Amino acid sequence: MNQGQENFFNFIMQNVEEKNQEKAKELLSESFGKQNDGTFNKEYMMTFIPKMLELIKPENVEKVKNIMMSHKA
């Protein structure tokens, strides 16, 4: 995990509902794997964002959504 990925991981984990932390870790791991092997693209990102937003604490969804949308491929 590079520094940017680690920062994003920490940000997401701070905003994920406790019951969803394992699923969030799995999604992030998949995402970082795709980044590392060059298969991370806009199509993947458009499936990743909705899945991740389902795991976020309701009061933090907009904040997380804004961050993800500003960093999409």
PDB file of N, CA and C in Angstrom:
ATOM      1  N   MET A   1       0.858  -1.181   0.000  1.00  0.00           N
ATOM      2  CA  MET A   1       0.000   0.000   0.000  1.00  0.00           C
ATOM      3  C   MET A   1       0.901   1.240   0.000  1.00  0.00           C
ATOM      4  N   ASN A   2       0.689   2.108  -0.980  1.00  0.00           N
ATOM      5  CA  ASN A   2       1.480   3.333  -1.013  1.00  0.00           C
ATOM      6  C   ASN A   2       0.878   4.379  -0.067  1.00  0.00           C
ATOM      7  N   GLN A   3       1.536   5.513   0.072  1.00  0.00           N
ATOM      8  CA  GLN A   3       1.100   6.531   1.037  1.00  0.00           C
ATOM      9  C   GLN A   3      -0.295   7.056   0.719  1.00  0.00           C
ATOM     10  N   GLY A   4      -0.582   7.303  -0.551  1.00  0.00           N
ATOM     11  CA  GLY A   4      -1.908   7.789  -0.929  1.00  0.00           C
ATOM     12  C   GLY A   4      -2.988   6.769  -0.603  1.00  0.00           C
ATOM     13  N   GLN A   5      -2.700   5.493  -0.890  1.00  0.00           N
ATOM     14  CA  GLN A   5      -3.654   4.439  -0.577  1.00  0.00           C
ATOM     15  C   GLN A   5      -3.859   4.324   0.933  1.00  0.00           C
ATOM     16  N   GLU A   6      -2.780   4.436   1.676  1.00  0.00           N
ATOM     17  CA  GLU A   6      -2.881   4.357   3.133  1.00  0.00           C
ATOM     18  C   GLU A   6      -3.719   5.504   3.691  1.00  0.00           C
ATOM     19  N   ASN A   7      -3.519   6.699   3.160  1.00  0.00           N
ATOM     20  CA  ASN A   7      -4.314   7.857   3.595  1.00  0.00           C
ATOM     21  C   ASN A   7      -5.797   7.652   3.283  1.00  0.00           C
ATOM     22  N   PHE A   8      -6.091   7.156   2.082  1.00  0.00           N
ATOM     23  CA  PHE A   8      -7.480   6.916   1.687  1.00  0.00           C
ATOM     24  C   PHE A   8      -8.089   5.816   2.555  1.00  0.00           C
ATOM     25  N   PHE A   9      -7.317   4.748   2.785  1.00  0.00           N
ATOM     26  CA  PHE A   9      -7.771   3.651   3.637  1.00  0.00           C
ATOM     27  C   PHE A   9      -8.155   4.185   5.017  1.00  0.00           C
ATOM     28  N   ASN A  10      -7.283   4.970   5.620  1.00  0.00           N
ATOM     29  CA  ASN A  10      -7.556   5.511   6.959  1.00  0.00           C
ATOM     30  C   ASN A  10      -8.773   6.423   6.956  1.00  0.00           C
ATOM     31  N   PHE A  11      -8.898   7.257   5.929  1.00  0.00           N
ATOM     32  CA  PHE A  11     -10.053   8.151   5.823  1.00  0.00           C
ATOM     33  C   PHE A  11     -11.349   7.348   5.742  1.00  0.00           C
ATOM     34  N   ILE A  12     -11.376   6.357   4.869  1.00  0.00           N
ATOM     35  CA  ILE A  12     -12.581   5.545   4.704  1.00  0.00           C
ATOM     36  C   ILE A  12     -12.911   4.811   5.999  1.00  0.00           C
ATOM     37  N   MET A  13     -11.920   4.193   6.615  1.00  0.00           N
ATOM     38  CA  MET A  13     -12.173   3.397   7.813  1.00  0.00           C
ATOM     39  C   MET A  13     -12.694   4.254   8.962  1.00  0.00           C
ATOM     40  N   GLN A  14     -12.326   5.514   8.997  1.00  0.00           N
ATOM     41  CA  GLN A  14     -12.847   6.431  10.023  1.00  0.00           C
ATOM     42  C   GLN A  14     -14.320   6.742   9.798  1.00  0.00           C
ATOM     43  N   ASN A  15     -14.784   6.557   8.579  1.00  0.00           N
ATOM     44  CA  ASN A  15     -16.146   6.930   8.218  1.00  0.00           C
ATOM     45  C   ASN A  15     -17.082   5.747   7.986  1.00  0.00           C
ATOM     46  N   VAL A  16     -16.558   4.536   8.074  1.00  0.00           N
ATOM     47  CA  VAL A  16     -17.348   3.328   7.851  1.00  0.00           C
ATOM     48  C   VAL A  16     -18.056   2.928   9.140  1.00  0.00           C
ATOM     49  N   GLU A  17     -19.307   2.477   8.989  1.00  0.00           N
ATOM     50  CA  GLU A  17     -20.010   1.941  10.143  1.00  0.00           C
ATOM     51  C   GLU A  17     -19.240   0.725  10.650  1.00  0.00           C
ATOM     52  N   GLU A  18     -19.189   0.569  11.964  1.00  0.00           N
ATOM     53  CA  GLU A  18     -18.397  -0.504  12.565  1.00  0.00           C
ATOM     54  C   GLU A  18     -18.760  -1.880  12.016  1.00  0.00           C
ATOM     55  N   LYS A  19     -20.039  -2.115  11.819  1.00  0.00           N
ATOM     56  CA  LYS A  19     -20.487  -3.419  11.326  1.00  0.00           C
ATOM     57  C   LYS A  19     -20.036  -3.697   9.891  1.00  0.00           C
ATOM     58  N   ASN A  20     -19.597  -2.669   9.180  1.00  0.00           N
ATOM     59  CA  ASN A  20     -19.209  -2.810   7.771  1.00  0.00           C
ATOM     60  C   ASN A  20     -17.698  -2.762   7.540  1.00  0.00           C
ATOM     61  N   GLN A  21     -16.920  -2.757   8.610  1.00  0.00           N
ATOM     62  CA  GLN A  21     -15.484  -2.558   8.443  1.00  0.00           C
ATOM     63  C   GLN A  21     -14.801  -3.662   7.649  1.00  0.00           C
ATOM     64  N   GLU A  22     -15.165  -4.911   7.851  1.00  0.00           N
ATOM     65  CA  GLU A  22     -14.516  -5.991   7.105  1.00  0.00           C
ATOM     66  C   GLU A  22     -14.832  -5.903   5.612  1.00  0.00           C
ATOM     67  N   LYS A  23     -16.079  -5.604   5.294  1.00  0.00           N
ATOM     68  CA  LYS A  23     -16.460  -5.476   3.883  1.00  0.00           C
ATOM     69  C   LYS A  23     -15.734  -4.293   3.246  1.00  0.00           C
ATOM     70  N   ALA A  24     -15.595  -3.199   3.987  1.00  0.00           N
ATOM     71  CA  ALA A  24     -14.871  -2.033   3.469  1.00  0.00           C
ATOM     72  C   ALA A  24     -13.415  -2.383   3.204  1.00  0.00           C
ATOM     73  N   LYS A  25     -12.801  -3.128   4.105  1.00  0.00           N
ATOM     74  CA  LYS A  25     -11.402  -3.542   3.913  1.00  0.00           C
ATOM     75  C   LYS A  25     -11.267  -4.386   2.650  1.00  0.00           C
ATOM     76  N   GLU A  26     -12.224  -5.269   2.411  1.00  0.00           N
ATOM     77  CA  GLU A  26     -12.193  -6.110   1.205  1.00  0.00           C
ATOM     78  C   GLU A  26     -12.296  -5.254  -0.060  1.00  0.00           C
ATOM     79  N   LEU A  27     -13.229  -4.297  -0.055  1.00  0.00           N
ATOM     80  CA  LEU A  27     -13.397  -3.421  -1.220  1.00  0.00           C
ATOM     81  C   LEU A  27     -12.143  -2.582  -1.467  1.00  0.00           C
ATOM     82  N   LEU A  28     -11.574  -2.054  -0.398  1.00  0.00           N
ATOM     83  CA  LEU A  28     -10.368  -1.244  -0.539  1.00  0.00           C
ATOM     84  C   LEU A  28      -9.205  -2.083  -1.053  1.00  0.00           C
ATOM     85  N   SER A  29      -9.085  -3.293  -0.545  1.00  0.00           N
ATOM     86  CA  SER A  29      -8.018  -4.183  -0.996  1.00  0.00           C
ATOM     87  C   SER A  29      -8.161  -4.474  -2.492  1.00  0.00           C
ATOM     88  N   GLU A  30      -9.380  -4.745  -2.934  1.00  0.00           N
ATOM     89  CA  GLU A  30      -9.641  -4.980  -4.354  1.00  0.00           C
ATOM     90  C   GLU A  30      -9.267  -3.741  -5.175  1.00  0.00           C
ATOM     91  N   SER A  31      -9.688  -2.586  -4.697  1.00  0.00           N
ATOM     92  CA  SER A  31      -9.420  -1.335  -5.390  1.00  0.00           C
ATOM     93  C   SER A  31      -7.918  -1.070  -5.506  1.00  0.00           C
ATOM     94  N   PHE A  32      -7.189  -1.257  -4.418  1.00  0.00           N
ATOM     95  CA  PHE A  32      -5.750  -1.017  -4.437  1.00  0.00           C
ATOM     96  C   PHE A  32      -5.056  -2.026  -5.350  1.00  0.00           C
ATOM     97  N   GLY A  33      -5.547  -3.251  -5.366  1.00  0.00           N
ATOM     98  CA  GLY A  33      -5.001  -4.259  -6.268  1.00  0.00           C
ATOM     99  C   GLY A  33      -5.159  -3.843  -7.717  1.00  0.00           C
ATOM    100  N   LYS A  34      -6.330  -3.316  -8.047  1.00  0.00           N
ATOM    101  CA  LYS A  34      -6.577  -2.853  -9.419  1.00  0.00           C
ATOM    102  C   LYS A  34      -5.684  -1.659  -9.757  1.00  0.00           C
ATOM    103  N   GLN A  35      -5.481  -0.775  -8.794  1.00  0.00           N
ATOM    104  CA  GLN A  35      -4.577   0.353  -9.028  1.00  0.00           C
ATOM    105  C   GLN A  35      -3.166  -0.157  -9.300  1.00  0.00           C
ATOM    106  N   ASN A  36      -2.739  -1.123  -8.520  1.00  0.00           N
ATOM    107  CA  ASN A  36      -1.378  -1.639  -8.644  1.00  0.00           C
ATOM    108  C   ASN A  36      -1.146  -2.406  -9.931  1.00  0.00           C
ATOM    109  N   ASP A  37      -2.178  -3.106 -10.422  1.00  0.00           N
ATOM    110  CA  ASP A  37      -1.968  -3.891 -11.645  1.00  0.00           C
ATOM    111  C   ASP A  37      -2.450  -3.182 -12.916  1.00  0.00           C
ATOM    112  N   GLY A  38      -2.891  -1.933 -12.764  1.00  0.00           N
ATOM    113  CA  GLY A  38      -3.249  -1.133 -13.930  1.00  0.00           C
ATOM    114  C   GLY A  38      -4.644  -1.358 -14.487  1.00  0.00           C
ATOM    115  N   THR A  39      -5.502  -2.070 -13.739  1.00  0.00           N
ATOM    116  CA  THR A  39      -6.864  -2.320 -14.233  1.00  0.00           C
ATOM    117  C   THR A  39      -7.907  -1.420 -13.574  1.00  0.00           C
ATOM    118  N   PHE A  40      -7.459  -0.478 -12.768  1.00  0.00           N
ATOM    119  CA  PHE A  40      -8.355   0.485 -12.126  1.00  0.00           C
ATOM    120  C   PHE A  40      -8.738   1.526 -13.168  1.00  0.00           C
ATOM    121  N   ASN A  41     -10.037   1.610 -13.480  1.00  0.00           N
ATOM    122  CA  ASN A  41     -10.480   2.552 -14.505  1.00  0.00           C
ATOM    123  C   ASN A  41     -11.805   3.190 -14.096  1.00  0.00           C
ATOM    124  N   LYS A  42     -12.307   4.058 -14.946  1.00  0.00           N
ATOM    125  CA  LYS A  42     -13.539   4.787 -14.631  1.00  0.00           C
ATOM    126  C   LYS A  42     -14.718   3.839 -14.452  1.00  0.00           C
ATOM    127  N   GLU A  43     -14.803   2.813 -15.267  1.00  0.00           N
ATOM    128  CA  GLU A  43     -15.909   1.857 -15.157  1.00  0.00           C
ATOM    129  C   GLU A  43     -15.887   1.163 -13.795  1.00  0.00           C
ATOM    130  N   TYR A  44     -14.693   0.746 -13.364  1.00  0.00           N
ATOM    131  CA  TYR A  44     -14.575   0.117 -12.055  1.00  0.00           C
ATOM    132  C   TYR A  44     -14.962   1.113 -10.962  1.00  0.00           C
ATOM    133  N   MET A  45     -14.464   2.317 -11.086  1.00  0.00           N
ATOM    134  CA  MET A  45     -14.738   3.342 -10.063  1.00  0.00           C
ATOM    135  C   MET A  45     -16.239   3.589  -9.929  1.00  0.00           C
ATOM    136  N   MET A  46     -16.970   3.542 -11.032  1.00  0.00           N
ATOM    137  CA  MET A  46     -18.409   3.803 -10.987  1.00  0.00           C
ATOM    138  C   MET A  46     -19.177   2.649 -10.325  1.00  0.00           C
ATOM    139  N   THR A  47     -18.561   1.479 -10.211  1.00  0.00           N
ATOM    140  CA  THR A  47     -19.181   0.390  -9.439  1.00  0.00           C
ATOM    141  C   THR A  47     -18.692   0.408  -7.999  1.00  0.00           C
ATOM    142  N   PHE A  48     -17.454   0.857  -7.810  1.00  0.00           N
ATOM    143  CA  PHE A  48     -16.856   0.908  -6.473  1.00  0.00           C
ATOM    144  C   PHE A  48     -17.542   1.942  -5.575  1.00  0.00           C
ATOM    145  N   ILE A  49     -17.786   3.130  -6.105  1.00  0.00           N
ATOM    146  CA  ILE A  49     -18.338   4.220  -5.288  1.00  0.00           C
ATOM    147  C   ILE A  49     -19.668   3.829  -4.639  1.00  0.00           C
ATOM    148  N   PRO A  50     -20.656   3.343  -5.387  1.00  0.00           N
ATOM    149  CA  PRO A  50     -21.929   2.988  -4.724  1.00  0.00           C
ATOM    150  C   PRO A  50     -21.770   1.887  -3.672  1.00  0.00           C
ATOM    151  N   LYS A  51     -20.925   0.898  -3.962  1.00  0.00           N
ATOM    152  CA  LYS A  51     -20.704  -0.179  -2.980  1.00  0.00           C
ATOM    153  C   LYS A  51     -20.114   0.374  -1.698  1.00  0.00           C
ATOM    154  N   MET A  52     -19.136   1.254  -1.832  1.00  0.00           N
ATOM    155  CA  MET A  52     -18.481   1.810  -0.646  1.00  0.00           C
ATOM    156  C   MET A  52     -19.425   2.735   0.118  1.00  0.00           C
ATOM    157  N   LEU A  53     -20.201   3.531  -0.591  1.00  0.00           N
ATOM    158  CA  LEU A  53     -21.099   4.466   0.093  1.00  0.00           C
ATOM    159  C   LEU A  53     -22.145   3.740   0.938  1.00  0.00           C
ATOM    160  N   GLU A  54     -22.502   2.524   0.550  1.00  0.00           N
ATOM    161  CA  GLU A  54     -23.453   1.739   1.353  1.00  0.00           C
ATOM    162  C   GLU A  54     -22.887   1.383   2.724  1.00  0.00           C
ATOM    163  N   LEU A  55     -21.575   1.419   2.868  1.00  0.00           N
ATOM    164  CA  LEU A  55     -20.907   1.008   4.106  1.00  0.00           C
ATOM    165  C   LEU A  55     -20.589   2.176   5.044  1.00  0.00           C
ATOM    166  N   ILE A  56     -20.781   3.377   4.546  1.00  0.00           N
ATOM    167  CA  ILE A  56     -20.402   4.587   5.282  1.00  0.00           C
ATOM    168  C   ILE A  56     -21.496   4.984   6.277  1.00  0.00           C
ATOM    169  N   LYS A  57     -21.047   5.560   7.405  1.00  0.00           N
ATOM    170  CA  LYS A  57     -21.994   6.097   8.389  1.00  0.00           C
ATOM    171  C   LYS A  57     -22.876   7.125   7.677  1.00  0.00           C
ATOM    172  N   PRO A  58     -24.194   7.059   7.893  1.00  0.00           N
ATOM    173  CA  PRO A  58     -25.103   7.955   7.158  1.00  0.00           C
ATOM    174  C   PRO A  58     -24.728   9.440   7.253  1.00  0.00           C
ATOM    175  N   GLU A  59     -24.264   9.857   8.398  1.00  0.00           N
ATOM    176  CA  GLU A  59     -23.930  11.274   8.562  1.00  0.00           C
ATOM    177  C   GLU A  59     -22.661  11.683   7.801  1.00  0.00           C
ATOM    178  N   ASN A  60     -21.912  10.709   7.292  1.00  0.00           N
ATOM    179  CA  ASN A  60     -20.656  11.008   6.597  1.00  0.00           C
ATOM    180  C   ASN A  60     -20.693  10.709   5.104  1.00  0.00           C
ATOM    181  N   VAL A  61     -21.822  10.254   4.608  1.00  0.00           N
ATOM    182  CA  VAL A  61     -21.910   9.839   3.199  1.00  0.00           C
ATOM    183  C   VAL A  61     -21.538  10.979   2.252  1.00  0.00           C
ATOM    184  N   GLU A  62     -22.067  12.166   2.449  1.00  0.00           N
ATOM    185  CA  GLU A  62     -21.791  13.267   1.519  1.00  0.00           C
ATOM    186  C   GLU A  62     -20.320  13.637   1.511  1.00  0.00           C
ATOM    187  N   LYS A  63     -19.706  13.687   2.680  1.00  0.00           N
ATOM    188  CA  LYS A  63     -18.280  14.019   2.782  1.00  0.00           C
ATOM    189  C   LYS A  63     -17.443  12.989   2.021  1.00  0.00           C
ATOM    190  N   VAL A  64     -17.721  11.710   2.229  1.00  0.00           N
ATOM    191  CA  VAL A  64     -16.968  10.646   1.560  1.00  0.00           C
ATOM    192  C   VAL A  64     -17.235  10.664   0.057  1.00  0.00           C
ATOM    193  N   LYS A  65     -18.490  10.845  -0.315  1.00  0.00           N
ATOM    194  CA  LYS A  65     -18.847  10.893  -1.735  1.00  0.00           C
ATOM    195  C   LYS A  65     -18.089  12.013  -2.442  1.00  0.00           C
ATOM    196  N   ASN A  66     -18.020  13.172  -1.814  1.00  0.00           N
ATOM    197  CA  ASN A  66     -17.322  14.304  -2.427  1.00  0.00           C
ATOM    198  C   ASN A  66     -15.836  14.004  -2.625  1.00  0.00           C
ATOM    199  N   ILE A  67     -15.215  13.376  -1.642  1.00  0.00           N
ATOM    200  CA  ILE A  67     -13.794  13.016  -1.761  1.00  0.00           C
ATOM    201  C   ILE A  67     -13.597  12.012  -2.898  1.00  0.00           C
ATOM    202  N   MET A  68     -14.428  10.981  -2.939  1.00  0.00           N
ATOM    203  CA  MET A  68     -14.273   9.947  -3.974  1.00  0.00           C
ATOM    204  C   MET A  68     -14.527  10.524  -5.365  1.00  0.00           C
ATOM    205  N   MET A  69     -15.510  11.372  -5.497  1.00  0.00           N
ATOM    206  CA  MET A  69     -15.818  11.934  -6.816  1.00  0.00           C
ATOM    207  C   MET A  69     -14.709  12.872  -7.295  1.00  0.00           C
ATOM    208  N   SER A  70     -14.022  13.520  -6.378  1.00  0.00           N
ATOM    209  CA  SER A  70     -12.956  14.428  -6.788  1.00  0.00           C
ATOM    210  C   SER A  70     -11.672  13.690  -7.163  1.00  0.00           C
ATOM    211  N   HIS A  71     -11.598  12.385  -6.822  1.00  0.00           N
ATOM    212  CA  HIS A  71     -10.396  11.606  -7.110  1.00  0.00           C
ATOM    213  C   HIS A  71     -10.642  10.477  -8.102  1.00  0.00           C
ATOM    214  N   LYS A  72     -11.788  10.440  -8.741  1.00  0.00           N
ATOM    215  CA  LYS A  72     -12.061   9.321  -9.652  1.00  0.00           C
ATOM    216  C   LYS A  72     -11.200   9.404 -10.895  1.00  0.00           C
ATOM    217  N   ALA A  73     -11.030   8.233 -11.502  1.00  0.00           N
ATOM    218  CA  ALA A  73     -10.142   8.123 -12.675  1.00  0.00           C
ATOM    219  C   ALA A  73     -10.636   8.935 -13.846  1.00  0.00           C
TER     220      ALA A  73
END
